[in-house]
Amino acid sequence: PPRSTLFPYTTLFRSREQPMVSVVCPIYRPTLAHFEAAVRSMLAQTYANWELILVDDCSGDPALTASIEAFAAEDTRVQIATRHRNGGISEATNTAITAAKGTWVALFDHDDLLLDVALEAMVAALRPETRLAYSDEDKVEESGRHVEPALKPDWNHRYLLGVNYVCHLTMLRRDLLTQVGPLRKAYDGAQDHDLLLRAAEVLQAEEILHVPEILYHWRKTPQSTASSGGNKTYAAAAGAKAVSDHLARIGRPATVTPIRGMTLYSQTWQTTAEPSVTVIVPYKDQIATTERCLEALDRNTTY
C-alpha cells in the first residue's frame, strides 16, 4: 500500500532511540530476479540504522555471487558472511547472526519482500520491555498481486502449538537469541518454529509484541511452502518434532501429528487424569435438533 495509508511512524523518532537492526538473510539458489527484488526492498527501507547480512550457503552460482558482491559495493550496510560448505538454513542463519552487530535481529528469506516502512514501523512500535516482535504478512504471486493476508492475533502460546502463526516479519533482541541459543539443524524446515517455542519458554507474554500491520510479503511460487505446505513434507515432520520436544521440556508431553501432511499440528495429550465432565445442552421445543446433538456427542466422544 502507499505509505500514506500507514501510521506516520517517522514522527515518533524525534524523541526516540533508533537501535541498529541486523537483517539476516541465508541464501541458497534463489531465482536471481526474486533475490535481487528482496535486497532492493531492503535498500528502500525508510529506517536507516540497519545492516543486511547476506550468507550464500554455497549455492555455486557465479551470477548470484556477482549480484551479492554488487549489492555490497552499492551500500556499505550490506555485509557478506562467507560459508565454505553447505550447511542448510539453520547453519547459514547462525553464520549471519554471529556476524550481526545490531541490538535487534530480523529474519528475512532470500526471495521475499519487505514493505518500505517495515523496519520503521517495527522499531516505532517497540516498548521498553519488548524482546520479540512480529508483524502481519501476506503473500505475493509471480504476477506481483498480493493475496492471502494473514492478520494475526496478539501473542497466543496455545495457537503456536498448532501452527507457526508468528512467521514473518519476526525481530528478536540479540540478547534473547544469546539466551535461547542458535537455530538447530535438526529442525531445518521448521527451525523458526523451534526457535519461537524455545523463546516462549523464557519470555513473559508482555515481552512479546504484535505489530498489526502487513509489513512482509511472502513469495508464492509453485515450489514454495507459501503455495502448498505439501511441497515440503519434511517441514511438517520437523515442526511436529519441534512442538513435541517443546511440550516435553515444559512438562506437558503429547503426541504431536501433522494435519493432512501440512505444517499444522494436532496434539494428543499424555495424561492419566480422568476428571468428570458435565455437558450442558440448553434447549426448548427443538426435539429433532437436540436429538442430533446428543447422537453426535455419543458418536464422536471417546472420553
C-alpha atoms as a PDB file:
ATOM      1  CA  PRO A   1       0.000   0.000   0.000  1.00  0.00           C
ATOM      2  CA  PRO A   2       1.155   3.599  -0.416  1.00  0.00           C
ATOM      3  CA  ARG A   3       2.995   4.921   2.583  1.00  0.00           C
ATOM      4  CA  SER A   4       0.264   7.453   3.340  1.00  0.00           C
ATOM      5  CA  THR A   5      -2.085   4.622   4.351  1.00  0.00           C
ATOM      6  CA  LEU A   6       0.152   3.693   7.304  1.00  0.00           C
ATOM      7  CA  PHE A   7       0.576   5.395  10.632  1.00  0.00           C
ATOM      8  CA  PRO A   8       3.078   8.305  10.440  1.00  0.00           C
ATOM      9  CA  TYR A   9       5.801   6.377  12.251  1.00  0.00           C
ATOM     10  CA  THR A  10       8.572   8.787  11.289  1.00  0.00           C
ATOM     11  CA  THR A  11       7.316  11.470  13.660  1.00  0.00           C
ATOM     12  CA  LEU A  12       7.848   9.125  16.591  1.00  0.00           C
ATOM     13  CA  PHE A  13      11.613   9.106  16.061  1.00  0.00           C
ATOM     14  CA  ARG A  14      12.069  12.751  17.046  1.00  0.00           C
ATOM     15  CA  SER A  15      12.367  11.701  20.666  1.00  0.00           C
ATOM     16  CA  ARG A  16      13.230   8.024  20.403  1.00  0.00           C
ATOM     17  CA  GLU A  17      16.342   5.932  20.143  1.00  0.00           C
ATOM     18  CA  GLN A  18      16.990   4.301  16.785  1.00  0.00           C
ATOM     19  CA  PRO A  19      18.621   0.913  17.526  1.00  0.00           C
ATOM     20  CA  MET A  20      20.506  -0.951  14.839  1.00  0.00           C
ATOM     21  CA  VAL A  21      18.537  -3.789  13.249  1.00  0.00           C
ATOM     22  CA  SER A  22      20.565  -6.645  11.755  1.00  0.00           C
ATOM     23  CA  VAL A  23      18.553  -8.279   8.978  1.00  0.00           C
ATOM     24  CA  VAL A  24      19.880 -11.803   8.418  1.00  0.00           C
ATOM     25  CA  CYS A  25      19.308 -13.457   5.055  1.00  0.00           C
ATOM     26  CA  PRO A  26      20.512 -17.013   4.353  1.00  0.00           C
ATOM     27  CA  ILE A  27      20.707 -17.675   0.614  1.00  0.00           C
ATOM     28  CA  TYR A  28      20.622 -20.915  -1.338  1.00  0.00           C
ATOM     29  CA  ARG A  29      19.962 -20.960  -5.082  1.00  0.00           C
ATOM     30  CA  PRO A  30      17.090 -18.474  -5.275  1.00  0.00           C
ATOM     31  CA  THR A  31      15.639 -17.229  -8.546  1.00  0.00           C
ATOM     32  CA  LEU A  32      18.030 -14.362  -9.222  1.00  0.00           C
ATOM     33  CA  ALA A  33      15.297 -11.825 -10.019  1.00  0.00           C
ATOM     34  CA  HIS A  34      13.476 -12.691  -6.789  1.00  0.00           C
ATOM     35  CA  PHE A  35      16.665 -12.381  -4.745  1.00  0.00           C
ATOM     36  CA  GLU A  36      17.503  -9.006  -6.247  1.00  0.00           C
ATOM     37  CA  ALA A  37      13.956  -7.766  -5.609  1.00  0.00           C
ATOM     38  CA  ALA A  38      14.304  -8.885  -1.969  1.00  0.00           C
ATOM     39  CA  VAL A  39      17.528  -6.923  -1.484  1.00  0.00           C
ATOM     40  CA  ARG A  40      16.062  -3.890  -3.274  1.00  0.00           C
ATOM     41  CA  SER A  41      13.192  -3.917  -0.786  1.00  0.00           C
ATOM     42  CA  MET A  42      15.798  -3.687   1.978  1.00  0.00           C
ATOM     43  CA  LEU A  43      17.659  -0.835   0.299  1.00  0.00           C
ATOM     44  CA  ALA A  44      14.338   1.043   0.056  1.00  0.00           C
ATOM     45  CA  GLN A  45      13.754   0.999   3.817  1.00  0.00           C
ATOM     46  CA  THR A  46      12.835   4.364   5.316  1.00  0.00           C
ATOM     47  CA  TYR A  47      14.542   3.377   8.564  1.00  0.00           C
ATOM     48  CA  ALA A  48      18.255   3.989   8.139  1.00  0.00           C
ATOM     49  CA  ASN A  49      20.008   2.212  11.006  1.00  0.00           C
ATOM     50  CA  TRP A  50      20.184  -1.315   9.652  1.00  0.00           C
ATOM     51  CA  GLU A  51      22.605  -3.824   8.249  1.00  0.00           C
ATOM     52  CA  LEU A  52      21.763  -6.637   5.861  1.00  0.00           C
ATOM     53  CA  ILE A  53      23.881  -9.749   6.296  1.00  0.00           C
ATOM     54  CA  LEU A  54      23.844 -11.995   3.230  1.00  0.00           C
ATOM     55  CA  VAL A  55      25.071 -15.575   3.625  1.00  0.00           C
ATOM     56  CA  ASP A  56      25.321 -17.694   0.485  1.00  0.00           C
ATOM     57  CA  ASP A  57      25.164 -21.291   1.677  1.00  0.00           C
ATOM     58  CA  CYS A  58      27.470 -22.483  -1.116  1.00  0.00           C
ATOM     59  CA  SER A  59      24.968 -22.095  -3.953  1.00  0.00           C
ATOM     60  CA  GLY A  60      27.760 -22.420  -6.520  1.00  0.00           C
ATOM     61  CA  ASP A  61      26.137 -19.825  -8.804  1.00  0.00           C
ATOM     62  CA  PRO A  62      28.562 -17.239 -10.272  1.00  0.00           C
ATOM     63  CA  ALA A  63      25.705 -14.906 -11.252  1.00  0.00           C
ATOM     64  CA  LEU A  64      24.361 -14.958  -7.684  1.00  0.00           C
ATOM     65  CA  THR A  65      27.843 -14.317  -6.277  1.00  0.00           C
ATOM     66  CA  ALA A  66      28.293 -11.352  -8.601  1.00  0.00           C
ATOM     67  CA  SER A  67      24.913  -9.950  -7.567  1.00  0.00           C
ATOM     68  CA  ILE A  68      25.720 -10.259  -3.853  1.00  0.00           C
ATOM     69  CA  GLU A  69      29.066  -8.531  -4.340  1.00  0.00           C
ATOM     70  CA  ALA A  70      27.442  -5.757  -6.390  1.00  0.00           C
ATOM     71  CA  PHE A  71      24.933  -5.015  -3.631  1.00  0.00           C
ATOM     72  CA  ALA A  72      27.725  -4.893  -1.032  1.00  0.00           C
ATOM     73  CA  ALA A  73      29.624  -2.430  -3.228  1.00  0.00           C
ATOM     74  CA  GLU A  74      26.489  -0.309  -3.698  1.00  0.00           C
ATOM     75  CA  ASP A  75      25.618   0.080   0.001  1.00  0.00           C
ATOM     76  CA  THR A  76      28.069  -0.360   2.874  1.00  0.00           C
ATOM     77  CA  ARG A  77      25.219  -1.546   5.106  1.00  0.00           C
ATOM     78  CA  VAL A  78      25.095  -4.746   3.043  1.00  0.00           C
ATOM     79  CA  GLN A  79      27.517  -7.230   4.587  1.00  0.00           C
ATOM     80  CA  ILE A  80      28.640 -10.603   3.260  1.00  0.00           C
ATOM     81  CA  ALA A  81      29.350 -13.556   5.525  1.00  0.00           C
ATOM     82  CA  THR A  82      31.078 -16.446   3.806  1.00  0.00           C
ATOM     83  CA  ARG A  83      30.399 -20.167   4.134  1.00  0.00           C
ATOM     84  CA  HIS A  84      32.728 -22.735   2.569  1.00  0.00           C
ATOM     85  CA  ARG A  85      30.325 -25.679   2.719  1.00  0.00           C
ATOM     86  CA  ASN A  86      26.584 -26.126   2.515  1.00  0.00           C
ATOM     87  CA  GLY A  87      25.065 -26.456   5.961  1.00  0.00           C
ATOM     88  CA  GLY A  88      21.352 -25.820   5.497  1.00  0.00           C
ATOM     89  CA  ILE A  89      19.170 -22.914   6.535  1.00  0.00           C
ATOM     90  CA  SER A  90      19.837 -23.093  10.291  1.00  0.00           C
ATOM     91  CA  GLU A  91      23.618 -23.115   9.973  1.00  0.00           C
ATOM     92  CA  ALA A  92      23.560 -20.373   7.332  1.00  0.00           C
ATOM     93  CA  THR A  93      21.289 -18.226   9.512  1.00  0.00           C
ATOM     94  CA  ASN A  94      23.542 -18.809  12.519  1.00  0.00           C
ATOM     95  CA  THR A  95      26.517 -17.642  10.465  1.00  0.00           C
ATOM     96  CA  ALA A  96      24.652 -14.402   9.786  1.00  0.00           C
ATOM     97  CA  ILE A  97      23.577 -13.982  13.417  1.00  0.00           C
ATOM     98  CA  THR A  98      27.167 -14.465  14.593  1.00  0.00           C
ATOM     99  CA  ALA A  99      28.225 -11.595  12.338  1.00  0.00           C
ATOM    100  CA  ALA A 100      25.328  -9.336  13.392  1.00  0.00           C
ATOM    101  CA  LYS A 101      26.134  -6.134  15.269  1.00  0.00           C
ATOM    102  CA  GLY A 102      22.601  -4.906  15.920  1.00  0.00           C
ATOM    103  CA  THR A 103      20.571  -4.766  19.105  1.00  0.00           C
ATOM    104  CA  TRP A 104      17.782  -6.425  17.137  1.00  0.00           C
ATOM    105  CA  VAL A 105      17.923  -9.291  14.647  1.00  0.00           C
ATOM    106  CA  ALA A 106      15.268  -9.641  11.934  1.00  0.00           C
ATOM    107  CA  LEU A 107      14.796 -12.844   9.932  1.00  0.00           C
ATOM    108  CA  PHE A 108      14.430 -12.416   6.153  1.00  0.00           C
ATOM    109  CA  ASP A 109      14.081 -15.074   3.446  1.00  0.00           C
ATOM    110  CA  HIS A 110      16.112 -14.736   0.262  1.00  0.00           C
ATOM    111  CA  ASP A 111      13.176 -14.209  -2.134  1.00  0.00           C
ATOM    112  CA  ASP A 112      10.585 -12.351  -0.052  1.00  0.00           C
ATOM    113  CA  LEU A 113       9.803  -8.627   0.094  1.00  0.00           C
ATOM    114  CA  LEU A 114       9.595  -6.017   2.842  1.00  0.00           C
ATOM    115  CA  LEU A 115       7.303  -3.022   2.756  1.00  0.00           C
ATOM    116  CA  ASP A 116       9.413   0.135   2.582  1.00  0.00           C
ATOM    117  CA  VAL A 117       8.377   1.183   6.108  1.00  0.00           C
ATOM    118  CA  ALA A 118       8.711  -2.310   7.607  1.00  0.00           C
ATOM    119  CA  LEU A 119      11.689  -1.682   9.895  1.00  0.00           C
ATOM    120  CA  GLU A 120      10.496   1.828  10.718  1.00  0.00           C
ATOM    121  CA  ALA A 121       7.100   0.507  11.793  1.00  0.00           C
ATOM    122  CA  MET A 122       8.589  -2.321  13.845  1.00  0.00           C
ATOM    123  CA  VAL A 123      11.063  -0.119  15.704  1.00  0.00           C
ATOM    124  CA  ALA A 124       8.491   2.596  16.342  1.00  0.00           C
ATOM    125  CA  ALA A 125       6.137   0.080  17.955  1.00  0.00           C
ATOM    126  CA  LEU A 126       8.741  -1.347  20.356  1.00  0.00           C
ATOM    127  CA  ARG A 127       8.202  -0.928  24.075  1.00  0.00           C
ATOM    128  CA  PRO A 128      10.973  -0.981  26.692  1.00  0.00           C
ATOM    129  CA  GLU A 129      10.016  -4.493  27.775  1.00  0.00           C
ATOM    130  CA  THR A 130       9.773  -5.939  24.242  1.00  0.00           C
ATOM    131  CA  ARG A 131      12.193  -8.740  23.413  1.00  0.00           C
ATOM    132  CA  LEU A 132      10.377 -10.340  20.472  1.00  0.00           C
ATOM    133  CA  ALA A 133       8.162  -8.601  17.900  1.00  0.00           C
ATOM    134  CA  TYR A 134       6.270  -9.813  14.857  1.00  0.00           C
ATOM    135  CA  SER A 135       4.081  -8.261  12.183  1.00  0.00           C
ATOM    136  CA  ASP A 136       1.266  -9.316   9.898  1.00  0.00           C
ATOM    137  CA  GLU A 137       2.080 -10.551   6.396  1.00  0.00           C
ATOM    138  CA  ASP A 138       0.613 -11.523   3.053  1.00  0.00           C
ATOM    139  CA  LYS A 139       1.774 -13.464   0.006  1.00  0.00           C
ATOM    140  CA  VAL A 140       2.920 -12.117  -3.335  1.00  0.00           C
ATOM    141  CA  GLU A 141       2.306 -14.041  -6.565  1.00  0.00           C
ATOM    142  CA  GLU A 142       4.603 -14.163  -9.592  1.00  0.00           C
ATOM    143  CA  SER A 143       2.411 -11.500 -11.203  1.00  0.00           C
ATOM    144  CA  GLY A 144       3.040  -9.163  -8.283  1.00  0.00           C
ATOM    145  CA  ARG A 145      -0.510  -9.491  -6.976  1.00  0.00           C
ATOM    146  CA  HIS A 146      -0.811  -9.543  -3.172  1.00  0.00           C
ATOM    147  CA  VAL A 147      -3.062 -12.279  -1.778  1.00  0.00           C
ATOM    148  CA  GLU A 148      -3.941 -14.188   1.400  1.00  0.00           C
ATOM    149  CA  PRO A 149      -3.332 -11.559   4.079  1.00  0.00           C
ATOM    150  CA  ALA A 150      -2.501 -13.070   7.468  1.00  0.00           C
ATOM    151  CA  LEU A 151      -3.941 -10.750  10.111  1.00  0.00           C
ATOM    152  CA  LYS A 152      -2.558 -12.358  13.228  1.00  0.00           C
ATOM    153  CA  PRO A 153      -3.656 -12.351  16.848  1.00  0.00           C
ATOM    154  CA  ASP A 154      -1.565 -10.979  19.655  1.00  0.00           C
ATOM    155  CA  TRP A 155       0.635 -13.487  21.455  1.00  0.00           C
ATOM    156  CA  ASN A 156      -1.096 -16.875  21.799  1.00  0.00           C
ATOM    157  CA  HIS A 157       1.066 -19.753  23.006  1.00  0.00           C
ATOM    158  CA  ARG A 158      -1.685 -22.346  22.530  1.00  0.00           C
ATOM    159  CA  TYR A 159      -2.130 -21.273  18.913  1.00  0.00           C
ATOM    160  CA  LEU A 160       1.627 -21.522  18.319  1.00  0.00           C
ATOM    161  CA  LEU A 161       1.465 -25.200  19.271  1.00  0.00           C
ATOM    162  CA  GLY A 162      -0.804 -25.792  16.287  1.00  0.00           C
ATOM    163  CA  VAL A 163       0.943 -23.628  13.693  1.00  0.00           C
ATOM    164  CA  ASN A 164       3.793 -21.154  13.406  1.00  0.00           C
ATOM    165  CA  TYR A 165       1.421 -18.235  13.049  1.00  0.00           C
ATOM    166  CA  VAL A 166       4.142 -15.719  14.043  1.00  0.00           C
ATOM    167  CA  CYS A 167       6.220 -16.453  10.939  1.00  0.00           C
ATOM    168  CA  HIS A 168       7.129 -13.117   9.187  1.00  0.00           C
ATOM    169  CA  LEU A 169       8.299 -10.465   9.975  1.00  0.00           C
ATOM    170  CA  THR A 170       9.989 -11.545  13.212  1.00  0.00           C
ATOM    171  CA  MET A 171      12.513  -9.442  15.140  1.00  0.00           C
ATOM    172  CA  LEU A 172      14.306 -10.674  18.248  1.00  0.00           C
ATOM    173  CA  ARG A 173      16.585  -8.871  20.654  1.00  0.00           C
ATOM    174  CA  ARG A 174      20.124 -10.089  20.267  1.00  0.00           C
ATOM    175  CA  ASP A 175      20.341 -10.911  23.980  1.00  0.00           C
ATOM    176  CA  LEU A 176      17.275 -13.174  23.611  1.00  0.00           C
ATOM    177  CA  LEU A 177      18.991 -15.095  20.819  1.00  0.00           C
ATOM    178  CA  THR A 178      22.051 -15.466  23.043  1.00  0.00           C
ATOM    179  CA  GLN A 179      19.857 -16.741  25.872  1.00  0.00           C
ATOM    180  CA  VAL A 180      17.903 -19.373  23.928  1.00  0.00           C
ATOM    181  CA  GLY A 181      20.762 -20.457  21.696  1.00  0.00           C
ATOM    182  CA  PRO A 182      21.217 -20.718  17.936  1.00  0.00           C
ATOM    183  CA  LEU A 183      18.893 -22.226  15.362  1.00  0.00           C
ATOM    184  CA  ARG A 184      19.134 -26.004  15.324  1.00  0.00           C
ATOM    185  CA  LYS A 185      19.841 -28.008  12.181  1.00  0.00           C
ATOM    186  CA  ALA A 186      17.780 -30.965  13.416  1.00  0.00           C
ATOM    187  CA  TYR A 187      14.688 -28.802  12.889  1.00  0.00           C
ATOM    188  CA  ASP A 188      15.506 -27.485   9.407  1.00  0.00           C
ATOM    189  CA  GLY A 189      12.258 -26.685   7.646  1.00  0.00           C
ATOM    190  CA  ALA A 190      10.710 -25.615  10.949  1.00  0.00           C
ATOM    191  CA  GLN A 191      13.790 -24.025  12.513  1.00  0.00           C
ATOM    192  CA  ASP A 192      11.980 -20.724  13.111  1.00  0.00           C
ATOM    193  CA  HIS A 193       9.064 -22.535  14.810  1.00  0.00           C
ATOM    194  CA  ASP A 194      11.512 -24.316  17.098  1.00  0.00           C
ATOM    195  CA  LEU A 195      13.225 -21.005  17.881  1.00  0.00           C
ATOM    196  CA  LEU A 196       9.924 -19.322  18.768  1.00  0.00           C
ATOM    197  CA  LEU A 197       8.889 -22.200  21.011  1.00  0.00           C
ATOM    198  CA  ARG A 198      12.209 -22.044  22.867  1.00  0.00           C
ATOM    199  CA  ALA A 199      11.814 -18.280  23.209  1.00  0.00           C
ATOM    200  CA  ALA A 200       8.325 -18.818  24.637  1.00  0.00           C
ATOM    201  CA  GLU A 201       9.883 -20.868  27.432  1.00  0.00           C
ATOM    202  CA  VAL A 202      11.822 -17.860  28.758  1.00  0.00           C
ATOM    203  CA  LEU A 203       9.602 -14.903  27.826  1.00  0.00           C
ATOM    204  CA  GLN A 204       6.650 -13.341  29.608  1.00  0.00           C
ATOM    205  CA  ALA A 205       3.629 -12.507  27.469  1.00  0.00           C
ATOM    206  CA  GLU A 206       4.208  -8.759  27.868  1.00  0.00           C
ATOM    207  CA  GLU A 207       7.679  -9.146  26.332  1.00  0.00           C
ATOM    208  CA  ILE A 208       6.172 -10.313  23.026  1.00  0.00           C
ATOM    209  CA  LEU A 209       4.747  -7.637  20.731  1.00  0.00           C
ATOM    210  CA  HIS A 210       2.418  -7.999  17.744  1.00  0.00           C
ATOM    211  CA  VAL A 211       2.597  -5.116  15.248  1.00  0.00           C
ATOM    212  CA  PRO A 212      -0.760  -5.212  13.400  1.00  0.00           C
ATOM    213  CA  GLU A 213       0.498  -4.066  10.001  1.00  0.00           C
ATOM    214  CA  ILE A 214       1.194  -6.097   6.838  1.00  0.00           C
ATOM    215  CA  LEU A 215       4.919  -5.394   6.551  1.00  0.00           C
ATOM    216  CA  TYR A 216       6.182  -8.595   4.934  1.00  0.00           C
ATOM    217  CA  HIS A 217       5.329 -10.198   1.575  1.00  0.00           C
ATOM    218  CA  TRP A 218       5.994 -13.943   1.398  1.00  0.00           C
ATOM    219  CA  ARG A 219       6.940 -15.039  -2.126  1.00  0.00           C
ATOM    220  CA  LYS A 220       4.440 -17.534  -3.549  1.00  0.00           C
ATOM    221  CA  THR A 221       5.907 -19.776  -6.257  1.00  0.00           C
ATOM    222  CA  PRO A 222       4.796 -23.242  -7.429  1.00  0.00           C
ATOM    223  CA  GLN A 223       7.642 -24.833  -5.427  1.00  0.00           C
ATOM    224  CA  SER A 224       7.288 -22.860  -2.199  1.00  0.00           C
ATOM    225  CA  THR A 225       5.523 -23.687   1.065  1.00  0.00           C
ATOM    226  CA  ALA A 226       3.683 -20.400   0.572  1.00  0.00           C
ATOM    227  CA  SER A 227       1.825 -22.138  -2.267  1.00  0.00           C
ATOM    228  CA  SER A 228       1.339 -25.503  -0.576  1.00  0.00           C
ATOM    229  CA  GLY A 229       2.580 -26.997   2.657  1.00  0.00           C
ATOM    230  CA  GLY A 230       2.743 -30.315   0.818  1.00  0.00           C
ATOM    231  CA  ASN A 231       5.740 -29.013  -1.111  1.00  0.00           C
ATOM    232  CA  LYS A 232       7.857 -29.519   1.988  1.00  0.00           C
ATOM    233  CA  THR A 233       6.655 -32.562   3.877  1.00  0.00           C
ATOM    234  CA  TYR A 234       9.952 -32.619   5.763  1.00  0.00           C
ATOM    235  CA  ALA A 235       8.987 -29.227   7.213  1.00  0.00           C
ATOM    236  CA  ALA A 236       5.794 -30.723   8.661  1.00  0.00           C
ATOM    237  CA  ALA A 237       7.778 -33.537  10.299  1.00  0.00           C
ATOM    238  CA  ALA A 238      10.328 -31.063  11.690  1.00  0.00           C
ATOM    239  CA  GLY A 239       7.543 -28.858  13.039  1.00  0.00           C
ATOM    240  CA  ALA A 240       5.851 -31.785  14.773  1.00  0.00           C
ATOM    241  CA  LYS A 241       9.178 -32.651  16.407  1.00  0.00           C
ATOM    242  CA  ALA A 242       9.677 -29.024  17.489  1.00  0.00           C
ATOM    243  CA  VAL A 243       6.255 -28.859  19.150  1.00  0.00           C
ATOM    244  CA  SER A 244       6.619 -32.305  20.746  1.00  0.00           C
ATOM    245  CA  ASP A 245      10.054 -31.511  22.173  1.00  0.00           C
ATOM    246  CA  HIS A 246       8.834 -28.141  23.467  1.00  0.00           C
ATOM    247  CA  LEU A 247       5.894 -29.744  25.270  1.00  0.00           C
ATOM    248  CA  ALA A 248       8.194 -32.337  26.837  1.00  0.00           C
ATOM    249  CA  ARG A 249      10.501 -29.567  28.104  1.00  0.00           C
ATOM    250  CA  ILE A 250       7.643 -27.704  29.798  1.00  0.00           C
ATOM    251  CA  GLY A 251       6.200 -30.858  31.342  1.00  0.00           C
ATOM    252  CA  ARG A 252       3.136 -31.222  29.079  1.00  0.00           C
ATOM    253  CA  PRO A 253       4.032 -34.267  26.956  1.00  0.00           C
ATOM    254  CA  ALA A 254       1.818 -35.034  23.990  1.00  0.00           C
ATOM    255  CA  THR A 255       1.814 -36.959  20.744  1.00  0.00           C
ATOM    256  CA  VAL A 256       2.045 -34.328  18.002  1.00  0.00           C
ATOM    257  CA  THR A 257       0.850 -35.139  14.485  1.00  0.00           C
ATOM    258  CA  PRO A 258       0.858 -33.050  11.286  1.00  0.00           C
ATOM    259  CA  ILE A 259      -2.661 -32.463   9.995  1.00  0.00           C
ATOM    260  CA  ARG A 260      -3.022 -33.866   6.452  1.00  0.00           C
ATOM    261  CA  GLY A 261       0.730 -33.614   5.965  1.00  0.00           C
ATOM    262  CA  MET A 262       0.753 -29.834   6.381  1.00  0.00           C
ATOM    263  CA  THR A 263       2.623 -27.613   8.833  1.00  0.00           C
ATOM    264  CA  LEU A 264      -0.423 -27.666  11.111  1.00  0.00           C
ATOM    265  CA  TYR A 265      -0.351 -29.853  14.209  1.00  0.00           C
ATOM    266  CA  SER A 266      -2.746 -31.682  16.482  1.00  0.00           C
ATOM    267  CA  GLN A 267      -1.842 -32.783  19.982  1.00  0.00           C
ATOM    268  CA  THR A 268      -2.993 -35.863  21.858  1.00  0.00           C
ATOM    269  CA  TRP A 269      -2.177 -35.122  25.467  1.00  0.00           C
ATOM    270  CA  GLN A 270      -0.485 -37.790  27.532  1.00  0.00           C
ATOM    271  CA  THR A 271      -2.372 -37.726  30.796  1.00  0.00           C
ATOM    272  CA  THR A 272      -3.791 -40.284  33.216  1.00  0.00           C
ATOM    273  CA  ALA A 273      -6.221 -37.869  34.838  1.00  0.00           C
ATOM    274  CA  GLU A 274      -9.914 -38.516  34.090  1.00  0.00           C
ATOM    275  CA  PRO A 275     -11.952 -35.716  35.664  1.00  0.00           C
ATOM    276  CA  SER A 276     -15.711 -35.887  35.211  1.00  0.00           C
ATOM    277  CA  VAL A 277     -17.204 -33.598  32.582  1.00  0.00           C
ATOM    278  CA  THR A 278     -20.735 -32.212  32.573  1.00  0.00           C
ATOM    279  CA  VAL A 279     -22.146 -31.231  29.186  1.00  0.00           C
ATOM    280  CA  ILE A 280     -24.948 -28.665  29.409  1.00  0.00           C
ATOM    281  CA  VAL A 281     -27.337 -28.518  26.464  1.00  0.00           C
ATOM    282  CA  PRO A 282     -29.947 -25.773  26.825  1.00  0.00           C
ATOM    283  CA  TYR A 283     -32.953 -26.292  24.543  1.00  0.00           C
ATOM    284  CA  LYS A 284     -36.664 -25.563  24.203  1.00  0.00           C
ATOM    285  CA  ASP A 285     -39.051 -27.298  21.841  1.00  0.00           C
ATOM    286  CA  GLN A 286     -36.281 -28.328  19.414  1.00  0.00           C
ATOM    287  CA  ILE A 287     -36.585 -32.064  19.825  1.00  0.00           C
ATOM    288  CA  ALA A 288     -35.026 -33.084  16.476  1.00  0.00           C
ATOM    289  CA  THR A 289     -32.098 -30.689  16.830  1.00  0.00           C
ATOM    290  CA  THR A 290     -31.434 -31.778  20.394  1.00  0.00           C
ATOM    291  CA  GLU A 291     -31.613 -35.439  19.367  1.00  0.00           C
ATOM    292  CA  ARG A 292     -28.975 -34.858  16.663  1.00  0.00           C
ATOM    293  CA  CYS A 293     -26.791 -33.077  19.209  1.00  0.00           C
ATOM    294  CA  LEU A 294     -26.968 -35.971  21.674  1.00  0.00           C
ATOM    295  CA  GLU A 295     -26.373 -38.566  18.968  1.00  0.00           C
ATOM    296  CA  ALA A 296     -23.311 -36.666  17.740  1.00  0.00           C
ATOM    297  CA  LEU A 297     -21.982 -36.343  21.288  1.00  0.00           C
ATOM    298  CA  ASP A 298     -22.368 -40.091  21.822  1.00  0.00           C
ATOM    299  CA  ARG A 299     -20.896 -40.985  18.405  1.00  0.00           C
ATOM    300  CA  ASN A 300     -17.892 -38.643  18.425  1.00  0.00           C
ATOM    301  CA  THR A 301     -16.807 -38.703  22.061  1.00  0.00           C
ATOM    302  CA  THR A 302     -14.482 -41.470  23.202  1.00  0.00           C
ATOM    303  CA  TYR A 303     -13.815 -39.987  26.640  1.00  0.00           C
END
